[in-house]
Amino acid sequence: MRGKIFLAGLFGLLASSIVGIGEFFLHYSPQIIGNADNYQFFQFVSRDHLITGHFLTVFAIPFYFVGYYHIYKMLEHGNKKLAAIVFGLGVFAFTIGGFWITSRAFLGTIVHLQNDIDANIYQKILDNYTLISESLVQVLRVIILLLSIFFSITILKGGTYYKKWMAIFNPIVLLLFVFAIYFIAPQIGKYIAPIAMNVVHFILFSLSLYQFKNVNQPSV
């Protein structure tokens, strides 16, 4: 069983790496800062990068579900019901995130065609996209907030494979840390902000695997 738990954690780490690389292809360009309005940063992302990023993210997103099974098993001995809530929220979060990520390459294509589309129609397309797809990001953040609360509570109750200090390294705190870097040092943050959720989970799964390998019994 320990081997399966460790392997599931590796899948989570793999998900954060591959989806992160894919999302970097989708979103990053040297002109990303200052071109957020109306998704204009996509003008500077090549078609090849959009296509590569799309397929990397779409095919790797399901690995996150396996990664959250690892987190479930890490929390299970503390409180099985709370652990199940964290697992369910994790699956829900990356289902929503998966729906959102599938729209990005197509949005980039629309931005590339801006000059070929009537200005009023183009703006209506973007407005509809914001309502239908970009709103999912806000839903995702609420789910991650709830997940983080249950994650931290379960750890602080004791009995998990995590040391109690791990409670502070929950996804929402790590997400705020990533965006803080972007605002404090944008020349560094511009590389990680476009893939923020993946950076968060790379840190989360790395710490989780480290603790799993170094703790033989659940904490008390």
C-alpha atoms as a PDB file:
ATOM      1  CA  MET A   1       0.000   0.000   0.000  1.00  0.00           C
ATOM      2  CA  ARG A   2       2.844   2.412   0.800  1.00  0.00           C
ATOM      3  CA  GLY A   3       4.147   1.908  -2.722  1.00  0.00           C
ATOM      4  CA  LYS A   4       0.763   2.761  -4.222  1.00  0.00           C
ATOM      5  CA  ILE A   5       0.451   5.898  -2.094  1.00  0.00           C
ATOM      6  CA  PHE A   6       3.916   7.028  -3.161  1.00  0.00           C
ATOM      7  CA  LEU A   7       3.174   6.273  -6.830  1.00  0.00           C
ATOM      8  CA  ALA A   8      -0.073   8.274  -6.648  1.00  0.00           C
ATOM      9  CA  GLY A   9       1.922  11.204  -5.287  1.00  0.00           C
ATOM     10  CA  LEU A  10       4.342  10.903  -8.199  1.00  0.00           C
ATOM     11  CA  PHE A  11       1.371  11.132 -10.569  1.00  0.00           C
ATOM     12  CA  GLY A  12       0.364  14.356  -8.832  1.00  0.00           C
ATOM     13  CA  LEU A  13       3.882  15.697  -9.271  1.00  0.00           C
ATOM     14  CA  LEU A  14       3.826  14.619 -12.918  1.00  0.00           C
ATOM     15  CA  ALA A  15       0.471  16.376 -13.411  1.00  0.00           C
ATOM     16  CA  SER A  16       1.738  19.655 -11.992  1.00  0.00           C
ATOM     17  CA  SER A  17       4.852  19.429 -14.188  1.00  0.00           C
ATOM     18  CA  ILE A  18       3.225  18.511 -17.515  1.00  0.00           C
ATOM     19  CA  VAL A  19       0.134  20.712 -17.101  1.00  0.00           C
ATOM     20  CA  GLY A  20       2.439  23.507 -15.932  1.00  0.00           C
ATOM     21  CA  ILE A  21       4.613  23.190 -19.042  1.00  0.00           C
ATOM     22  CA  GLY A  22       1.507  23.059 -21.235  1.00  0.00           C
ATOM     23  CA  GLU A  23      -0.061  26.086 -19.601  1.00  0.00           C
ATOM     24  CA  PHE A  24       3.236  27.958 -19.933  1.00  0.00           C
ATOM     25  CA  PHE A  25       3.110  27.297 -23.687  1.00  0.00           C
ATOM     26  CA  LEU A  26      -0.499  28.510 -23.746  1.00  0.00           C
ATOM     27  CA  HIS A  27      -0.066  31.719 -21.777  1.00  0.00           C
ATOM     28  CA  TYR A  28       3.499  32.975 -21.622  1.00  0.00           C
ATOM     29  CA  SER A  29       5.224  35.505 -23.844  1.00  0.00           C
ATOM     30  CA  PRO A  30       7.759  38.245 -23.000  1.00  0.00           C
ATOM     31  CA  GLN A  31       4.898  40.725 -23.530  1.00  0.00           C
ATOM     32  CA  ILE A  32       2.577  39.155 -20.955  1.00  0.00           C
ATOM     33  CA  ILE A  33       2.917  42.073 -18.542  1.00  0.00           C
ATOM     34  CA  GLY A  34       0.678  44.967 -19.550  1.00  0.00           C
ATOM     35  CA  ASN A  35      -1.383  43.041 -22.097  1.00  0.00           C
ATOM     36  CA  ALA A  36      -4.027  41.443 -19.909  1.00  0.00           C
ATOM     37  CA  ASP A  37      -6.973  43.534 -21.163  1.00  0.00           C
ATOM     38  CA  ASN A  38      -9.210  41.601 -23.549  1.00  0.00           C
ATOM     39  CA  TYR A  39      -6.720  38.710 -23.449  1.00  0.00           C
ATOM     40  CA  GLN A  40      -4.345  40.613 -25.727  1.00  0.00           C
ATOM     41  CA  PHE A  41      -1.331  38.665 -24.434  1.00  0.00           C
ATOM     42  CA  PHE A  42      -2.476  35.834 -26.726  1.00  0.00           C
ATOM     43  CA  GLN A  43      -1.364  37.967 -29.698  1.00  0.00           C
ATOM     44  CA  PHE A  44       2.203  37.154 -28.737  1.00  0.00           C
ATOM     45  CA  VAL A  45       1.695  33.395 -28.256  1.00  0.00           C
ATOM     46  CA  SER A  46       2.377  31.471 -31.434  1.00  0.00           C
ATOM     47  CA  ARG A  47      -0.101  29.022 -32.964  1.00  0.00           C
ATOM     48  CA  ASP A  48       2.370  26.175 -32.431  1.00  0.00           C
ATOM     49  CA  HIS A  49       2.610  27.008 -28.744  1.00  0.00           C
ATOM     50  CA  LEU A  50      -1.177  27.127 -28.441  1.00  0.00           C
ATOM     51  CA  ILE A  51      -1.554  23.686 -30.004  1.00  0.00           C
ATOM     52  CA  THR A  52       1.322  22.133 -28.027  1.00  0.00           C
ATOM     53  CA  GLY A  53       0.090  23.625 -24.776  1.00  0.00           C
ATOM     54  CA  HIS A  54      -3.472  22.505 -25.420  1.00  0.00           C
ATOM     55  CA  PHE A  55      -2.654  18.845 -25.878  1.00  0.00           C
ATOM     56  CA  LEU A  56      -0.138  18.716 -23.025  1.00  0.00           C
ATOM     57  CA  THR A  57      -2.629  20.151 -20.547  1.00  0.00           C
ATOM     58  CA  VAL A  58      -5.666  18.187 -21.721  1.00  0.00           C
ATOM     59  CA  PHE A  59      -3.952  14.805 -21.573  1.00  0.00           C
ATOM     60  CA  ALA A  60      -2.187  15.447 -18.244  1.00  0.00           C
ATOM     61  CA  ILE A  61      -5.071  16.981 -16.236  1.00  0.00           C
ATOM     62  CA  PRO A  62      -6.461  13.515 -15.211  1.00  0.00           C
ATOM     63  CA  PHE A  63      -3.178  12.761 -13.420  1.00  0.00           C
ATOM     64  CA  TYR A  64      -4.263  15.340 -10.853  1.00  0.00           C
ATOM     65  CA  PHE A  65      -7.108  13.039  -9.806  1.00  0.00           C
ATOM     66  CA  VAL A  66      -4.578  10.324  -8.967  1.00  0.00           C
ATOM     67  CA  GLY A  67      -2.496  12.903  -7.111  1.00  0.00           C
ATOM     68  CA  TYR A  68      -5.457  13.815  -4.934  1.00  0.00           C
ATOM     69  CA  TYR A  69      -5.936  10.133  -4.118  1.00  0.00           C
ATOM     70  CA  HIS A  70      -2.416  10.340  -2.649  1.00  0.00           C
ATOM     71  CA  ILE A  71      -3.473  13.307  -0.508  1.00  0.00           C
ATOM     72  CA  TYR A  72      -6.595  11.397   0.559  1.00  0.00           C
ATOM     73  CA  LYS A  73      -4.453   8.477   1.761  1.00  0.00           C
ATOM     74  CA  MET A  74      -2.099  10.874   3.556  1.00  0.00           C
ATOM     75  CA  LEU A  75      -5.047  12.358   5.464  1.00  0.00           C
ATOM     76  CA  GLU A  76      -7.190   9.245   5.869  1.00  0.00           C
ATOM     77  CA  HIS A  77      -5.855   8.063   9.234  1.00  0.00           C
ATOM     78  CA  GLY A  78      -6.630  11.448  10.767  1.00  0.00           C
ATOM     79  CA  ASN A  79     -10.270  11.655   9.722  1.00  0.00           C
ATOM     80  CA  LYS A  80     -11.624   9.586   6.869  1.00  0.00           C
ATOM     81  CA  LYS A  81     -14.659  11.802   6.233  1.00  0.00           C
ATOM     82  CA  LEU A  82     -12.620  15.004   6.082  1.00  0.00           C
ATOM     83  CA  ALA A  83     -10.054  13.272   3.874  1.00  0.00           C
ATOM     84  CA  ALA A  84     -12.853  12.218   1.519  1.00  0.00           C
ATOM     85  CA  ILE A  85     -14.089  15.829   1.364  1.00  0.00           C
ATOM     86  CA  VAL A  86     -10.598  17.013   0.402  1.00  0.00           C
ATOM     87  CA  PHE A  87     -10.375  14.309  -2.263  1.00  0.00           C
ATOM     88  CA  GLY A  88     -13.821  15.163  -3.647  1.00  0.00           C
ATOM     89  CA  LEU A  89     -13.040  18.876  -3.765  1.00  0.00           C
ATOM     90  CA  GLY A  90      -9.719  18.141  -5.466  1.00  0.00           C
ATOM     91  CA  VAL A  91     -11.420  16.095  -8.189  1.00  0.00           C
ATOM     92  CA  PHE A  92     -14.105  18.771  -8.555  1.00  0.00           C
ATOM     93  CA  ALA A  93     -11.500  21.545  -8.775  1.00  0.00           C
ATOM     94  CA  PHE A  94      -9.527  19.903 -11.549  1.00  0.00           C
ATOM     95  CA  THR A  95     -12.646  18.867 -13.418  1.00  0.00           C
ATOM     96  CA  ILE A  96     -13.624  22.551 -13.515  1.00  0.00           C
ATOM     97  CA  GLY A  97     -10.020  23.490 -14.291  1.00  0.00           C
ATOM     98  CA  GLY A  98      -9.952  20.942 -17.101  1.00  0.00           C
ATOM     99  CA  PHE A  99     -13.054  22.442 -18.713  1.00  0.00           C
ATOM    100  CA  TRP A 100     -11.448  25.880 -18.507  1.00  0.00           C
ATOM    101  CA  ILE A 101      -8.065  24.858 -19.898  1.00  0.00           C
ATOM    102  CA  THR A 102      -9.632  23.282 -22.994  1.00  0.00           C
ATOM    103  CA  SER A 103     -10.940  26.721 -24.001  1.00  0.00           C
ATOM    104  CA  ARG A 104      -7.642  28.588 -23.930  1.00  0.00           C
ATOM    105  CA  ALA A 105      -6.110  27.543 -27.250  1.00  0.00           C
ATOM    106  CA  PHE A 106      -9.361  28.351 -29.042  1.00  0.00           C
ATOM    107  CA  LEU A 107      -9.506  31.750 -27.327  1.00  0.00           C
ATOM    108  CA  GLY A 108      -5.928  32.387 -28.423  1.00  0.00           C
ATOM    109  CA  THR A 109      -6.920  31.586 -31.992  1.00  0.00           C
ATOM    110  CA  ILE A 110      -9.783  34.093 -31.788  1.00  0.00           C
ATOM    111  CA  VAL A 111      -7.405  36.796 -30.542  1.00  0.00           C
ATOM    112  CA  HIS A 112      -5.063  36.013 -33.448  1.00  0.00           C
ATOM    113  CA  LEU A 113      -8.003  36.611 -35.830  1.00  0.00           C
ATOM    114  CA  GLN A 114      -9.003  39.921 -34.230  1.00  0.00           C
ATOM    115  CA  ASN A 115      -8.292  41.965 -37.354  1.00  0.00           C
ATOM    116  CA  ASP A 116     -10.440  39.634 -39.470  1.00  0.00           C
ATOM    117  CA  ILE A 117     -13.533  39.977 -37.264  1.00  0.00           C
ATOM    118  CA  ASP A 118     -15.906  42.923 -36.991  1.00  0.00           C
ATOM    119  CA  ALA A 119     -14.948  44.884 -33.864  1.00  0.00           C
ATOM    120  CA  ASN A 120     -18.408  44.696 -32.268  1.00  0.00           C
ATOM    121  CA  ILE A 121     -18.742  40.980 -32.936  1.00  0.00           C
ATOM    122  CA  TYR A 122     -15.199  40.389 -31.652  1.00  0.00           C
ATOM    123  CA  GLN A 123     -16.000  42.154 -28.380  1.00  0.00           C
ATOM    124  CA  LYS A 124     -19.223  40.158 -27.987  1.00  0.00           C
ATOM    125  CA  ILE A 125     -17.254  36.931 -28.451  1.00  0.00           C
ATOM    126  CA  LEU A 126     -14.799  37.961 -25.734  1.00  0.00           C
ATOM    127  CA  ASP A 127     -17.611  39.047 -23.409  1.00  0.00           C
ATOM    128  CA  ASN A 128     -19.360  35.707 -23.875  1.00  0.00           C
ATOM    129  CA  TYR A 129     -16.090  33.883 -23.261  1.00  0.00           C
ATOM    130  CA  THR A 130     -15.565  35.809 -20.026  1.00  0.00           C
ATOM    131  CA  LEU A 131     -19.048  34.861 -18.826  1.00  0.00           C
ATOM    132  CA  ILE A 132     -18.989  31.219 -19.916  1.00  0.00           C
ATOM    133  CA  SER A 133     -15.373  30.144 -19.384  1.00  0.00           C
ATOM    134  CA  GLU A 134     -13.360  32.724 -17.460  1.00  0.00           C
ATOM    135  CA  SER A 135     -15.932  32.692 -14.646  1.00  0.00           C
ATOM    136  CA  LEU A 136     -14.837  29.089 -14.030  1.00  0.00           C
ATOM    137  CA  VAL A 137     -11.552  30.446 -12.669  1.00  0.00           C
ATOM    138  CA  GLN A 138     -13.427  32.209  -9.880  1.00  0.00           C
ATOM    139  CA  VAL A 139     -15.352  29.014  -9.127  1.00  0.00           C
ATOM    140  CA  LEU A 140     -12.065  27.104  -9.071  1.00  0.00           C
ATOM    141  CA  ARG A 141     -10.558  29.518  -6.547  1.00  0.00           C
ATOM    142  CA  VAL A 142     -13.553  29.144  -4.222  1.00  0.00           C
ATOM    143  CA  ILE A 143     -13.246  25.350  -4.407  1.00  0.00           C
ATOM    144  CA  ILE A 144      -9.505  25.553  -3.694  1.00  0.00           C
ATOM    145  CA  LEU A 145     -10.234  27.804  -0.700  1.00  0.00           C
ATOM    146  CA  LEU A 146     -12.701  25.268   0.722  1.00  0.00           C
ATOM    147  CA  LEU A 147     -10.308  22.422  -0.027  1.00  0.00           C
ATOM    148  CA  SER A 148      -7.511  24.252   1.783  1.00  0.00           C
ATOM    149  CA  ILE A 149      -9.653  24.799   4.865  1.00  0.00           C
ATOM    150  CA  PHE A 150     -10.567  21.108   5.123  1.00  0.00           C
ATOM    151  CA  PHE A 151      -6.979  20.090   4.322  1.00  0.00           C
ATOM    152  CA  SER A 152      -5.607  22.229   7.153  1.00  0.00           C
ATOM    153  CA  ILE A 153      -8.284  21.222   9.675  1.00  0.00           C
ATOM    154  CA  THR A 154      -7.652  17.531   9.018  1.00  0.00           C
ATOM    155  CA  ILE A 155      -3.907  17.924   9.536  1.00  0.00           C
ATOM    156  CA  LEU A 156      -4.302  19.986  12.715  1.00  0.00           C
ATOM    157  CA  LYS A 157      -6.590  17.354  14.210  1.00  0.00           C
ATOM    158  CA  GLY A 158      -3.654  14.958  14.070  1.00  0.00           C
ATOM    159  CA  GLY A 159      -3.380  11.328  13.060  1.00  0.00           C
ATOM    160  CA  THR A 160      -2.361  11.994   9.436  1.00  0.00           C
ATOM    161  CA  TYR A 161       0.949  11.256   7.716  1.00  0.00           C
ATOM    162  CA  TYR A 162       1.661  14.988   7.757  1.00  0.00           C
ATOM    163  CA  LYS A 163       3.471  16.992  10.388  1.00  0.00           C
ATOM    164  CA  LYS A 164       1.181  19.732  11.659  1.00  0.00           C
ATOM    165  CA  TRP A 165       3.303  22.468  10.064  1.00  0.00           C
ATOM    166  CA  MET A 166       2.101  21.139   6.709  1.00  0.00           C
ATOM    167  CA  ALA A 167      -1.274  22.796   7.402  1.00  0.00           C
ATOM    168  CA  ILE A 168       0.188  26.182   6.473  1.00  0.00           C
ATOM    169  CA  PHE A 169       1.307  24.831   3.094  1.00  0.00           C
ATOM    170  CA  ASN A 170      -2.235  24.434   1.869  1.00  0.00           C
ATOM    171  CA  PRO A 171      -3.083  25.327  -1.751  1.00  0.00           C
ATOM    172  CA  ILE A 172      -4.709  28.712  -1.101  1.00  0.00           C
ATOM    173  CA  VAL A 173      -1.774  30.002   0.964  1.00  0.00           C
ATOM    174  CA  LEU A 174       0.673  28.781  -1.676  1.00  0.00           C
ATOM    175  CA  LEU A 175      -1.443  30.447  -4.384  1.00  0.00           C
ATOM    176  CA  LEU A 176      -1.354  33.773  -2.534  1.00  0.00           C
ATOM    177  CA  PHE A 177       2.417  33.368  -2.180  1.00  0.00           C
ATOM    178  CA  VAL A 178       2.832  32.873  -5.937  1.00  0.00           C
ATOM    179  CA  PHE A 179       0.787  35.990  -6.736  1.00  0.00           C
ATOM    180  CA  ALA A 180       2.655  37.949  -4.073  1.00  0.00           C
ATOM    181  CA  ILE A 181       5.876  37.166  -5.925  1.00  0.00           C
ATOM    182  CA  TYR A 182       4.271  38.433  -9.135  1.00  0.00           C
ATOM    183  CA  PHE A 183       3.334  41.782  -7.572  1.00  0.00           C
ATOM    184  CA  ILE A 184       6.552  42.218  -5.587  1.00  0.00           C
ATOM    185  CA  ALA A 185       8.931  41.034  -8.303  1.00  0.00           C
ATOM    186  CA  PRO A 186       7.016  40.939 -11.604  1.00  0.00           C
ATOM    187  CA  GLN A 187      10.111  40.158 -13.669  1.00  0.00           C
ATOM    188  CA  ILE A 188      10.346  36.872 -11.760  1.00  0.00           C
ATOM    189  CA  GLY A 189       6.648  36.411 -11.122  1.00  0.00           C
ATOM    190  CA  LYS A 190       5.748  36.653 -14.808  1.00  0.00           C
ATOM    191  CA  TYR A 191       7.195  33.171 -15.283  1.00  0.00           C
ATOM    192  CA  ILE A 192       5.146  31.514 -12.541  1.00  0.00           C
ATOM    193  CA  ALA A 193       1.895  33.529 -12.390  1.00  0.00           C
ATOM    194  CA  PRO A 194       0.599  32.141 -15.735  1.00  0.00           C
ATOM    195  CA  ILE A 195       0.942  28.617 -14.313  1.00  0.00           C
ATOM    196  CA  ALA A 196       0.200  29.490 -10.685  1.00  0.00           C
ATOM    197  CA  MET A 197      -2.045  26.539  -9.785  1.00  0.00           C
ATOM    198  CA  ASN A 198       0.514  24.099 -11.133  1.00  0.00           C
ATOM    199  CA  VAL A 199       3.355  25.750  -9.211  1.00  0.00           C
ATOM    200  CA  VAL A 200       1.196  25.481  -6.085  1.00  0.00           C
ATOM    201  CA  HIS A 201       0.616  21.777  -6.602  1.00  0.00           C
ATOM    202  CA  PHE A 202       4.221  21.044  -7.537  1.00  0.00           C
ATOM    203  CA  ILE A 203       5.199  22.429  -4.121  1.00  0.00           C
ATOM    204  CA  LEU A 204       2.298  20.623  -2.409  1.00  0.00           C
ATOM    205  CA  PHE A 205       3.064  17.193  -3.893  1.00  0.00           C
ATOM    206  CA  SER A 206       6.815  17.618  -3.380  1.00  0.00           C
ATOM    207  CA  LEU A 207       6.333  18.351   0.322  1.00  0.00           C
ATOM    208  CA  SER A 208       3.792  15.554   0.625  1.00  0.00           C
ATOM    209  CA  LEU A 209       6.109  12.962  -0.927  1.00  0.00           C
ATOM    210  CA  TYR A 210       8.990  14.157   1.239  1.00  0.00           C
ATOM    211  CA  GLN A 211       6.937  13.720   4.388  1.00  0.00           C
ATOM    212  CA  PHE A 212       5.579  10.346   3.292  1.00  0.00           C
ATOM    213  CA  LYS A 213       9.085   8.980   2.759  1.00  0.00           C
ATOM    214  CA  ASN A 214      10.287  10.284   6.104  1.00  0.00           C
ATOM    215  CA  VAL A 215       7.323   9.393   8.344  1.00  0.00           C
ATOM    216  CA  ASN A 216       6.710   5.724   9.150  1.00  0.00           C
ATOM    217  CA  GLN A 217       3.556   6.270  11.209  1.00  0.00           C
ATOM    218  CA  PRO A 218       0.751   8.825  11.093  1.00  0.00           C
ATOM    219  CA  SER A 219       1.350  11.856  13.323  1.00  0.00           C
ATOM    220  CA  VAL A 220      -0.474  12.369  16.602  1.00  0.00           C
END
